[in-house]
Amino acid sequence: MNQACILKWGWKLHLNLNELWSNVLRGKCWKQGDIFERCKPTDSTLWKTIVRLVPYLNNYCFWVIKDGRTVSACHQAWIAPGVVLADMNLDIPMNLN
């Protein structure tokens, strides 16, 4: 499959556009957590290819934080590749503003 086209579809899935094809893929393949986290052996070839190409997509993406409501800073590897705050044993006070 054409990787550029698959990456474009992966980007559209990431944007949560309300399109029929993306709603079908999300409904079939995404159960919980990060939409691109994993794929099952029974998933379609298209979905497996999208999941396999996500690291390429992430290389060219960046966050716009704004108010922080749509960013999961604890569950994304934004510090360094593979480093996730949720996996660290940190004691962060809950009363921080």
PDB file of N, CA and C in Angstrom:
ATOM      1  N   MET A   1       0.839  -1.193   0.000  1.00  0.00           N
ATOM      2  CA  MET A   1       0.000   0.000   0.000  1.00  0.00           C
ATOM      3  C   MET A   1       0.882   1.254   0.000  1.00  0.00           C
ATOM      4  N   ASN A   2       0.377   2.313  -0.514  1.00  0.00           N
ATOM      5  CA  ASN A   2       1.083   3.583  -0.578  1.00  0.00           C
ATOM      6  C   ASN A   2       1.199   4.177   0.829  1.00  0.00           C
ATOM      7  N   GLN A   3       2.420   4.282   1.336  1.00  0.00           N
ATOM      8  CA  GLN A   3       2.626   4.751   2.707  1.00  0.00           C
ATOM      9  C   GLN A   3       2.152   6.180   2.917  1.00  0.00           C
ATOM     10  N   ALA A   4       2.336   7.040   1.935  1.00  0.00           N
ATOM     11  CA  ALA A   4       1.892   8.435   2.079  1.00  0.00           C
ATOM     12  C   ALA A   4       0.379   8.494   2.256  1.00  0.00           C
ATOM     13  N   CYS A   5      -0.327   7.695   1.490  1.00  0.00           N
ATOM     14  CA  CYS A   5      -1.790   7.661   1.596  1.00  0.00           C
ATOM     15  C   CYS A   5      -2.217   7.106   2.958  1.00  0.00           C
ATOM     16  N   ILE A   6      -1.569   6.038   3.401  1.00  0.00           N
ATOM     17  CA  ILE A   6      -1.896   5.435   4.701  1.00  0.00           C
ATOM     18  C   ILE A   6      -1.601   6.424   5.827  1.00  0.00           C
ATOM     19  N   LEU A   7      -0.480   7.138   5.737  1.00  0.00           N
ATOM     20  CA  LEU A   7      -0.161   8.144   6.757  1.00  0.00           C
ATOM     21  C   LEU A   7      -1.198   9.263   6.768  1.00  0.00           C
ATOM     22  N   LYS A   8      -1.688   9.644   5.611  1.00  0.00           N
ATOM     23  CA  LYS A   8      -2.735  10.668   5.542  1.00  0.00           C
ATOM     24  C   LYS A   8      -4.000  10.173   6.239  1.00  0.00           C
ATOM     25  N   TRP A   9      -4.369   8.913   6.021  1.00  0.00           N
ATOM     26  CA  TRP A   9      -5.543   8.347   6.688  1.00  0.00           C
ATOM     27  C   TRP A   9      -5.318   8.259   8.197  1.00  0.00           C
ATOM     28  N   GLY A  10      -4.087   7.878   8.588  1.00  0.00           N
ATOM     29  CA  GLY A  10      -3.768   7.831  10.015  1.00  0.00           C
ATOM     30  C   GLY A  10      -3.884   9.204  10.657  1.00  0.00           C
ATOM     31  N   TRP A  11      -3.443  10.236   9.940  1.00  0.00           N
ATOM     32  CA  TRP A  11      -3.554  11.606  10.441  1.00  0.00           C
ATOM     33  C   TRP A  11      -5.013  12.001  10.597  1.00  0.00           C
ATOM     34  N   LYS A  12      -5.835  11.646   9.613  1.00  0.00           N
ATOM     35  CA  LYS A  12      -7.262  11.959   9.705  1.00  0.00           C
ATOM     36  C   LYS A  12      -7.911  11.225  10.876  1.00  0.00           C
ATOM     37  N   LEU A  13      -7.509   9.984  11.123  1.00  0.00           N
ATOM     38  CA  LEU A  13      -8.019   9.261  12.295  1.00  0.00           C
ATOM     39  C   LEU A  13      -7.599   9.969  13.579  1.00  0.00           C
ATOM     40  N   HIS A  14      -6.358  10.407  13.616  1.00  0.00           N
ATOM     41  CA  HIS A  14      -5.828  11.109  14.786  1.00  0.00           C
ATOM     42  C   HIS A  14      -6.608  12.395  15.067  1.00  0.00           C
ATOM     43  N   LEU A  15      -7.052  13.062  14.016  1.00  0.00           N
ATOM     44  CA  LEU A  15      -7.802  14.312  14.175  1.00  0.00           C
ATOM     45  C   LEU A  15      -9.243  14.089  14.617  1.00  0.00           C
ATOM     46  N   ASN A  16      -9.692  12.831  14.663  1.00  0.00           N
ATOM     47  CA  ASN A  16     -11.062  12.483  15.056  1.00  0.00           C
ATOM     48  C   ASN A  16     -12.106  13.136  14.165  1.00  0.00           C
ATOM     49  N   LEU A  17     -11.845  13.168  12.873  1.00  0.00           N
ATOM     50  CA  LEU A  17     -12.831  13.699  11.944  1.00  0.00           C
ATOM     51  C   LEU A  17     -14.027  12.753  11.902  1.00  0.00           C
ATOM     52  N   ASN A  18     -15.199  13.305  11.780  1.00  0.00           N
ATOM     53  CA  ASN A  18     -16.417  12.504  11.772  1.00  0.00           C
ATOM     54  C   ASN A  18     -16.737  12.073  10.342  1.00  0.00           C
ATOM     55  N   GLU A  19     -15.943  11.141   9.831  1.00  0.00           N
ATOM     56  CA  GLU A  19     -16.143  10.615   8.488  1.00  0.00           C
ATOM     57  C   GLU A  19     -16.530   9.145   8.599  1.00  0.00           C
ATOM     58  N   LEU A  20     -17.329   8.670   7.663  1.00  0.00           N
ATOM     59  CA  LEU A  20     -17.854   7.311   7.730  1.00  0.00           C
ATOM     60  C   LEU A  20     -16.750   6.269   7.837  1.00  0.00           C
ATOM     61  N   TRP A  21     -15.734   6.340   6.975  1.00  0.00           N
ATOM     62  CA  TRP A  21     -14.683   5.327   6.980  1.00  0.00           C
ATOM     63  C   TRP A  21     -13.922   5.309   8.301  1.00  0.00           C
ATOM     64  N   SER A  22     -13.681   6.495   8.874  1.00  0.00           N
ATOM     65  CA  SER A  22     -12.944   6.538  10.142  1.00  0.00           C
ATOM     66  C   SER A  22     -13.814   6.051  11.294  1.00  0.00           C
ATOM     67  N   ASN A  23     -15.109   6.337  11.245  1.00  0.00           N
ATOM     68  CA  ASN A  23     -16.018   5.829  12.274  1.00  0.00           C
ATOM     69  C   ASN A  23     -16.101   4.308  12.231  1.00  0.00           C
ATOM     70  N   VAL A  24     -16.103   3.729  11.027  1.00  0.00           N
ATOM     71  CA  VAL A  24     -16.138   2.269  10.890  1.00  0.00           C
ATOM     72  C   VAL A  24     -14.859   1.655  11.452  1.00  0.00           C
ATOM     73  N   LEU A  25     -13.698   2.208  11.088  1.00  0.00           N
ATOM     74  CA  LEU A  25     -12.432   1.676  11.606  1.00  0.00           C
ATOM     75  C   LEU A  25     -12.348   1.802  13.122  1.00  0.00           C
ATOM     76  N   ARG A  26     -12.743   2.954  13.651  1.00  0.00           N
ATOM     77  CA  ARG A  26     -12.720   3.131  15.107  1.00  0.00           C
ATOM     78  C   ARG A  26     -13.651   2.123  15.780  1.00  0.00           C
ATOM     79  N   GLY A  27     -14.839   1.935  15.222  1.00  0.00           N
ATOM     80  CA  GLY A  27     -15.801   1.010  15.804  1.00  0.00           C
ATOM     81  C   GLY A  27     -15.341  -0.432  15.772  1.00  0.00           C
ATOM     82  N   LYS A  28     -14.633  -0.815  14.705  1.00  0.00           N
ATOM     83  CA  LYS A  28     -14.157  -2.187  14.572  1.00  0.00           C
ATOM     84  C   LYS A  28     -12.888  -2.454  15.364  1.00  0.00           C
ATOM     85  N   CYS A  29     -11.978  -1.518  15.383  1.00  0.00           N
ATOM     86  CA  CYS A  29     -10.618  -1.791  15.855  1.00  0.00           C
ATOM     87  C   CYS A  29     -10.257  -1.144  17.182  1.00  0.00           C
ATOM     88  N   TRP A  30     -10.902  -0.076  17.559  1.00  0.00           N
ATOM     89  CA  TRP A  30     -10.506   0.663  18.754  1.00  0.00           C
ATOM     90  C   TRP A  30     -11.447   0.330  19.890  1.00  0.00           C
ATOM     91  N   LYS A  31     -10.919  -0.306  20.914  1.00  0.00           N
ATOM     92  CA  LYS A  31     -11.741  -0.689  22.060  1.00  0.00           C
ATOM     93  C   LYS A  31     -11.552   0.259  23.239  1.00  0.00           C
ATOM     94  N   GLN A  32     -10.321   0.587  23.581  1.00  0.00           N
ATOM     95  CA  GLN A  32     -10.043   1.495  24.697  1.00  0.00           C
ATOM     96  C   GLN A  32      -8.611   1.996  24.586  1.00  0.00           C
ATOM     97  N   GLY A  33      -8.294   3.033  25.333  1.00  0.00           N
ATOM     98  CA  GLY A  33      -6.943   3.577  25.336  1.00  0.00           C
ATOM     99  C   GLY A  33      -6.624   4.335  24.063  1.00  0.00           C
ATOM    100  N   ASP A  34      -5.355   4.433  23.767  1.00  0.00           N
ATOM    101  CA  ASP A  34      -4.892   5.142  22.581  1.00  0.00           C
ATOM    102  C   ASP A  34      -5.342   4.398  21.333  1.00  0.00           C
ATOM    103  N   ILE A  35      -5.908   5.108  20.393  1.00  0.00           N
ATOM    104  CA  ILE A  35      -6.457   4.476  19.188  1.00  0.00           C
ATOM    105  C   ILE A  35      -5.396   3.707  18.410  1.00  0.00           C
ATOM    106  N   PHE A  36      -4.144   4.136  18.463  1.00  0.00           N
ATOM    107  CA  PHE A  36      -3.094   3.481  17.689  1.00  0.00           C
ATOM    108  C   PHE A  36      -2.208   2.575  18.543  1.00  0.00           C
ATOM    109  N   GLU A  37      -2.672   2.237  19.726  1.00  0.00           N
ATOM    110  CA  GLU A  37      -1.840   1.510  20.671  1.00  0.00           C
ATOM    111  C   GLU A  37      -1.528   0.085  20.224  1.00  0.00           C
ATOM    112  N   ARG A  38      -2.495  -0.613  19.681  1.00  0.00           N
ATOM    113  CA  ARG A  38      -2.291  -2.020  19.369  1.00  0.00           C
ATOM    114  C   ARG A  38      -3.229  -2.450  18.250  1.00  0.00           C
ATOM    115  N   CYS A  39      -2.917  -3.590  17.670  1.00  0.00           N
ATOM    116  CA  CYS A  39      -3.842  -4.198  16.717  1.00  0.00           C
ATOM    117  C   CYS A  39      -3.889  -5.693  17.006  1.00  0.00           C
ATOM    118  N   LYS A  40      -5.008  -6.292  16.636  1.00  0.00           N
ATOM    119  CA  LYS A  40      -5.216  -7.721  16.856  1.00  0.00           C
ATOM    120  C   LYS A  40      -4.925  -8.471  15.559  1.00  0.00           C
ATOM    121  N   PRO A  41      -4.648  -9.764  15.667  1.00  0.00           N
ATOM    122  CA  PRO A  41      -4.419 -10.552  14.448  1.00  0.00           C
ATOM    123  C   PRO A  41      -5.623 -10.551  13.503  1.00  0.00           C
ATOM    124  N   THR A  42      -6.815 -10.347  14.046  1.00  0.00           N
ATOM    125  CA  THR A  42      -8.027 -10.373  13.221  1.00  0.00           C
ATOM    126  C   THR A  42      -8.350  -9.020  12.591  1.00  0.00           C
ATOM    127  N   ASP A  43      -7.596  -7.979  12.918  1.00  0.00           N
ATOM    128  CA  ASP A  43      -7.843  -6.654  12.341  1.00  0.00           C
ATOM    129  C   ASP A  43      -7.503  -6.644  10.851  1.00  0.00           C
ATOM    130  N   SER A  44      -8.063  -5.681  10.145  1.00  0.00           N
ATOM    131  CA  SER A  44      -7.851  -5.576   8.699  1.00  0.00           C
ATOM    132  C   SER A  44      -6.404  -5.202   8.381  1.00  0.00           C
ATOM    133  N   THR A  45      -6.016  -5.499   7.165  1.00  0.00           N
ATOM    134  CA  THR A  45      -4.677  -5.139   6.699  1.00  0.00           C
ATOM    135  C   THR A  45      -4.478  -3.629   6.750  1.00  0.00           C
ATOM    136  N   LEU A  46      -5.519  -2.889   6.414  1.00  0.00           N
ATOM    137  CA  LEU A  46      -5.439  -1.426   6.465  1.00  0.00           C
ATOM    138  C   LEU A  46      -5.119  -0.957   7.875  1.00  0.00           C
ATOM    139  N   TRP A  47      -5.843  -1.472   8.869  1.00  0.00           N
ATOM    140  CA  TRP A  47      -5.619  -1.059  10.254  1.00  0.00           C
ATOM    141  C   TRP A  47      -4.218  -1.432  10.717  1.00  0.00           C
ATOM    142  N   LYS A  48      -3.780  -2.651  10.412  1.00  0.00           N
ATOM    143  CA  LYS A  48      -2.439  -3.087  10.812  1.00  0.00           C
ATOM    144  C   LYS A  48      -1.371  -2.188  10.192  1.00  0.00           C
ATOM    145  N   THR A  49      -1.577  -1.790   8.952  1.00  0.00           N
ATOM    146  CA  THR A  49      -0.613  -0.917   8.282  1.00  0.00           C
ATOM    147  C   THR A  49      -0.596   0.465   8.917  1.00  0.00           C
ATOM    148  N   ILE A  50      -1.768   0.994   9.240  1.00  0.00           N
ATOM    149  CA  ILE A  50      -1.837   2.302   9.907  1.00  0.00           C
ATOM    150  C   ILE A  50      -1.101   2.247  11.235  1.00  0.00           C
ATOM    151  N   VAL A  51      -1.365   1.209  12.036  1.00  0.00           N
ATOM    152  CA  VAL A  51      -0.708   1.084  13.350  1.00  0.00           C
ATOM    153  C   VAL A  51       0.800   0.942  13.180  1.00  0.00           C
ATOM    154  N   ARG A  52       1.233   0.190  12.171  1.00  0.00           N
ATOM    155  CA  ARG A  52       2.668  -0.002  11.932  1.00  0.00           C
ATOM    156  C   ARG A  52       3.351   1.305  11.536  1.00  0.00           C
ATOM    157  N   LEU A  53       2.631   2.195  10.861  1.00  0.00           N
ATOM    158  CA  LEU A  53       3.221   3.447  10.386  1.00  0.00           C
ATOM    159  C   LEU A  53       3.082   4.610  11.375  1.00  0.00           C
ATOM    160  N   VAL A  54       2.416   4.396  12.500  1.00  0.00           N
ATOM    161  CA  VAL A  54       2.227   5.469  13.485  1.00  0.00           C
ATOM    162  C   VAL A  54       3.547   6.093  13.940  1.00  0.00           C
ATOM    163  N   PRO A  55       4.625   5.328  14.163  1.00  0.00           N
ATOM    164  CA  PRO A  55       5.885   5.992  14.542  1.00  0.00           C
ATOM    165  C   PRO A  55       6.347   7.025  13.515  1.00  0.00           C
ATOM    166  N   TYR A  56       6.142   6.776  12.232  1.00  0.00           N
ATOM    167  CA  TYR A  56       6.486   7.765  11.203  1.00  0.00           C
ATOM    168  C   TYR A  56       5.607   9.002  11.344  1.00  0.00           C
ATOM    169  N   LEU A  57       4.335   8.777  11.620  1.00  0.00           N
ATOM    170  CA  LEU A  57       3.402   9.887  11.817  1.00  0.00           C
ATOM    171  C   LEU A  57       3.826  10.730  13.017  1.00  0.00           C
ATOM    172  N   ASN A  58       4.209  10.070  14.097  1.00  0.00           N
ATOM    173  CA  ASN A  58       4.623  10.784  15.312  1.00  0.00           C
ATOM    174  C   ASN A  58       5.890  11.602  15.108  1.00  0.00           C
ATOM    175  N   ASN A  59       6.749  11.184  14.183  1.00  0.00           N
ATOM    176  CA  ASN A  59       7.980  11.938  13.914  1.00  0.00           C
ATOM    177  C   ASN A  59       7.709  13.324  13.355  1.00  0.00           C
ATOM    178  N   TYR A  60       6.546  13.512  12.750  1.00  0.00           N
ATOM    179  CA  TYR A  60       6.235  14.785  12.108  1.00  0.00           C
ATOM    180  C   TYR A  60       5.081  15.518  12.778  1.00  0.00           C
ATOM    181  N   CYS A  61       4.731  15.109  13.979  1.00  0.00           N
ATOM    182  CA  CYS A  61       3.623  15.737  14.710  1.00  0.00           C
ATOM    183  C   CYS A  61       4.169  16.529  15.894  1.00  0.00           C
ATOM    184  N   PHE A  62       3.419  17.522  16.307  1.00  0.00           N
ATOM    185  CA  PHE A  62       3.732  18.227  17.538  1.00  0.00           C
ATOM    186  C   PHE A  62       2.431  18.625  18.195  1.00  0.00           C
ATOM    187  N   TRP A  63       2.501  18.938  19.467  1.00  0.00           N
ATOM    188  CA  TRP A  63       1.311  19.288  20.237  1.00  0.00           C
ATOM    189  C   TRP A  63       1.144  20.791  20.323  1.00  0.00           C
ATOM    190  N   VAL A  64      -0.094  21.223  20.353  1.00  0.00           N
ATOM    191  CA  VAL A  64      -0.453  22.579  20.731  1.00  0.00           C
ATOM    192  C   VAL A  64      -1.221  22.410  22.038  1.00  0.00           C
ATOM    193  N   ILE A  65      -0.607  22.774  23.136  1.00  0.00           N
ATOM    194  CA  ILE A  65      -1.144  22.453  24.456  1.00  0.00           C
ATOM    195  C   ILE A  65      -2.402  23.246  24.787  1.00  0.00           C
ATOM    196  N   LYS A  66      -2.423  24.525  24.576  1.00  0.00           N
ATOM    197  CA  LYS A  66      -3.543  25.409  24.925  1.00  0.00           C
ATOM    198  C   LYS A  66      -3.891  25.256  26.401  1.00  0.00           C
ATOM    199  N   ASP A  67      -5.118  24.780  26.728  1.00  0.00           N
ATOM    200  CA  ASP A  67      -5.517  24.669  28.132  1.00  0.00           C
ATOM    201  C   ASP A  67      -5.201  23.294  28.722  1.00  0.00           C
ATOM    202  N   GLY A  68      -4.680  22.369  27.950  1.00  0.00           N
ATOM    203  CA  GLY A  68      -4.279  21.063  28.451  1.00  0.00           C
ATOM    204  C   GLY A  68      -5.389  20.040  28.577  1.00  0.00           C
ATOM    205  N   ARG A  69      -6.598  20.369  28.194  1.00  0.00           N
ATOM    206  CA  ARG A  69      -7.716  19.435  28.356  1.00  0.00           C
ATOM    207  C   ARG A  69      -7.689  18.286  27.354  1.00  0.00           C
ATOM    208  N   THR A  70      -7.099  18.504  26.203  1.00  0.00           N
ATOM    209  CA  THR A  70      -7.098  17.460  25.183  1.00  0.00           C
ATOM    210  C   THR A  70      -5.772  16.714  25.092  1.00  0.00           C
ATOM    211  N   VAL A  71      -4.827  17.032  25.947  1.00  0.00           N
ATOM    212  CA  VAL A  71      -3.522  16.388  25.930  1.00  0.00           C
ATOM    213  C   VAL A  71      -3.375  15.527  27.175  1.00  0.00           C
ATOM    214  N   SER A  72      -2.982  14.295  26.981  1.00  0.00           N
ATOM    215  CA  SER A  72      -2.740  13.399  28.108  1.00  0.00           C
ATOM    216  C   SER A  72      -1.235  13.355  28.364  1.00  0.00           C
ATOM    217  N   ALA A  73      -0.733  14.354  29.057  1.00  0.00           N
ATOM    218  CA  ALA A  73       0.707  14.482  29.273  1.00  0.00           C
ATOM    219  C   ALA A  73       1.278  13.331  30.094  1.00  0.00           C
ATOM    220  N   CYS A  74       0.451  12.677  30.892  1.00  0.00           N
ATOM    221  CA  CYS A  74       0.928  11.552  31.703  1.00  0.00           C
ATOM    222  C   CYS A  74       1.052  10.265  30.901  1.00  0.00           C
ATOM    223  N   HIS A  75       0.346  10.157  29.789  1.00  0.00           N
ATOM    224  CA  HIS A  75       0.311   8.899  29.045  1.00  0.00           C
ATOM    225  C   HIS A  75       0.943   8.991  27.659  1.00  0.00           C
ATOM    226  N   GLN A  76       1.548  10.111  27.327  1.00  0.00           N
ATOM    227  CA  GLN A  76       2.212  10.275  26.039  1.00  0.00           C
ATOM    228  C   GLN A  76       3.719  10.406  26.247  1.00  0.00           C
ATOM    229  N   ALA A  77       4.482   9.908  25.297  1.00  0.00           N
ATOM    230  CA  ALA A  77       5.946   9.969  25.383  1.00  0.00           C
ATOM    231  C   ALA A  77       6.436  11.298  24.817  1.00  0.00           C
ATOM    232  N   TRP A  78       6.287  12.366  25.587  1.00  0.00           N
ATOM    233  CA  TRP A  78       6.688  13.695  25.123  1.00  0.00           C
ATOM    234  C   TRP A  78       8.044  14.110  25.668  1.00  0.00           C
ATOM    235  N   ILE A  79       8.539  13.446  26.684  1.00  0.00           N
ATOM    236  CA  ILE A  79       9.842  13.776  27.272  1.00  0.00           C
ATOM    237  C   ILE A  79      10.957  13.256  26.369  1.00  0.00           C
ATOM    238  N   ALA A  80      10.852  11.998  26.022  1.00  0.00           N
ATOM    239  CA  ALA A  80      11.790  11.329  25.121  1.00  0.00           C
ATOM    240  C   ALA A  80      11.073  10.091  24.582  1.00  0.00           C
ATOM    241  N   PRO A  81      11.517   9.553  23.466  1.00  0.00           N
ATOM    242  CA  PRO A  81      10.854   8.364  22.935  1.00  0.00           C
ATOM    243  C   PRO A  81      10.818   7.233  23.962  1.00  0.00           C
ATOM    244  N   GLY A  82       9.637   6.724  24.231  1.00  0.00           N
ATOM    245  CA  GLY A  82       9.459   5.623  25.169  1.00  0.00           C
ATOM    246  C   GLY A  82       9.374   6.023  26.631  1.00  0.00           C
ATOM    247  N   VAL A  83       9.574   7.292  26.968  1.00  0.00           N
ATOM    248  CA  VAL A  83       9.520   7.757  28.356  1.00  0.00           C
ATOM    249  C   VAL A  83       8.138   8.349  28.618  1.00  0.00           C
ATOM    250  N   VAL A  84       7.378   7.690  29.499  1.00  0.00           N
ATOM    251  CA  VAL A  84       6.011   8.097  29.812  1.00  0.00           C
ATOM    252  C   VAL A  84       5.914   8.356  31.310  1.00  0.00           C
ATOM    253  N   LEU A  85       5.361   9.503  31.695  1.00  0.00           N
ATOM    254  CA  LEU A  85       5.257   9.855  33.114  1.00  0.00           C
ATOM    255  C   LEU A  85       4.467   8.827  33.912  1.00  0.00           C
ATOM    256  N   ALA A  86       3.418   8.254  33.324  1.00  0.00           N
ATOM    257  CA  ALA A  86       2.579   7.293  34.041  1.00  0.00           C
ATOM    258  C   ALA A  86       3.366   6.050  34.451  1.00  0.00           C
ATOM    259  N   ASP A  87       4.448   5.736  33.740  1.00  0.00           N
ATOM    260  CA  ASP A  87       5.264   4.569  34.063  1.00  0.00           C
ATOM    261  C   ASP A  87       6.293   4.852  35.152  1.00  0.00           C
ATOM    262  N   MET A  88       6.466   6.118  35.505  1.00  0.00           N
ATOM    263  CA  MET A  88       7.453   6.497  36.521  1.00  0.00           C
ATOM    264  C   MET A  88       6.808   6.501  37.902  1.00  0.00           C
ATOM    265  N   ASN A  89       7.618   6.271  38.897  1.00  0.00           N
ATOM    266  CA  ASN A  89       7.139   6.298  40.277  1.00  0.00           C
ATOM    267  C   ASN A  89       7.348   7.711  40.829  1.00  0.00           C
ATOM    268  N   LEU A  90       6.403   8.617  40.510  1.00  0.00           N
ATOM    269  CA  LEU A  90       6.522  10.015  40.905  1.00  0.00           C
ATOM    270  C   LEU A  90       5.483  10.360  41.958  1.00  0.00           C
ATOM    271  N   ASP A  91       5.860  11.205  42.895  1.00  0.00           N
ATOM    272  CA  ASP A  91       4.931  11.691  43.911  1.00  0.00           C
ATOM    273  C   ASP A  91       4.636  13.159  43.601  1.00  0.00           C
ATOM    274  N   ILE A  92       3.537  13.390  42.881  1.00  0.00           N
ATOM    275  CA  ILE A  92       3.163  14.741  42.478  1.00  0.00           C
ATOM    276  C   ILE A  92       1.989  15.192  43.333  1.00  0.00           C
ATOM    277  N   PRO A  93       2.119  16.306  44.058  1.00  0.00           N
ATOM    278  CA  PRO A  93       1.006  16.788  44.885  1.00  0.00           C
ATOM    279  C   PRO A  93      -0.223  17.098  44.039  1.00  0.00           C
ATOM    280  N   MET A  94      -1.392  16.725  44.519  1.00  0.00           N
ATOM    281  CA  MET A  94      -2.635  16.911  43.777  1.00  0.00           C
ATOM    282  C   MET A  94      -3.134  18.354  43.819  1.00  0.00           C
ATOM    283  N   ASN A  95      -2.604  19.188  44.726  1.00  0.00           N
ATOM    284  CA  ASN A  95      -3.108  20.550  44.871  1.00  0.00           C
ATOM    285  C   ASN A  95      -2.371  21.566  43.996  1.00  0.00           C
ATOM    286  N   LEU A  96      -1.618  21.106  43.019  1.00  0.00           N
ATOM    287  CA  LEU A  96      -0.930  22.030  42.122  1.00  0.00           C
ATOM    288  C   LEU A  96      -1.926  22.659  41.166  1.00  0.00           C
ATOM    289  N   ASN A  97      -1.758  23.928  40.893  1.00  0.00           N
ATOM    290  CA  ASN A  97      -2.642  24.626  39.946  1.00  0.00           C
ATOM    291  C   ASN A  97      -1.935  24.872  38.650  1.00  0.00           C
TER     292      ASN A  97
END
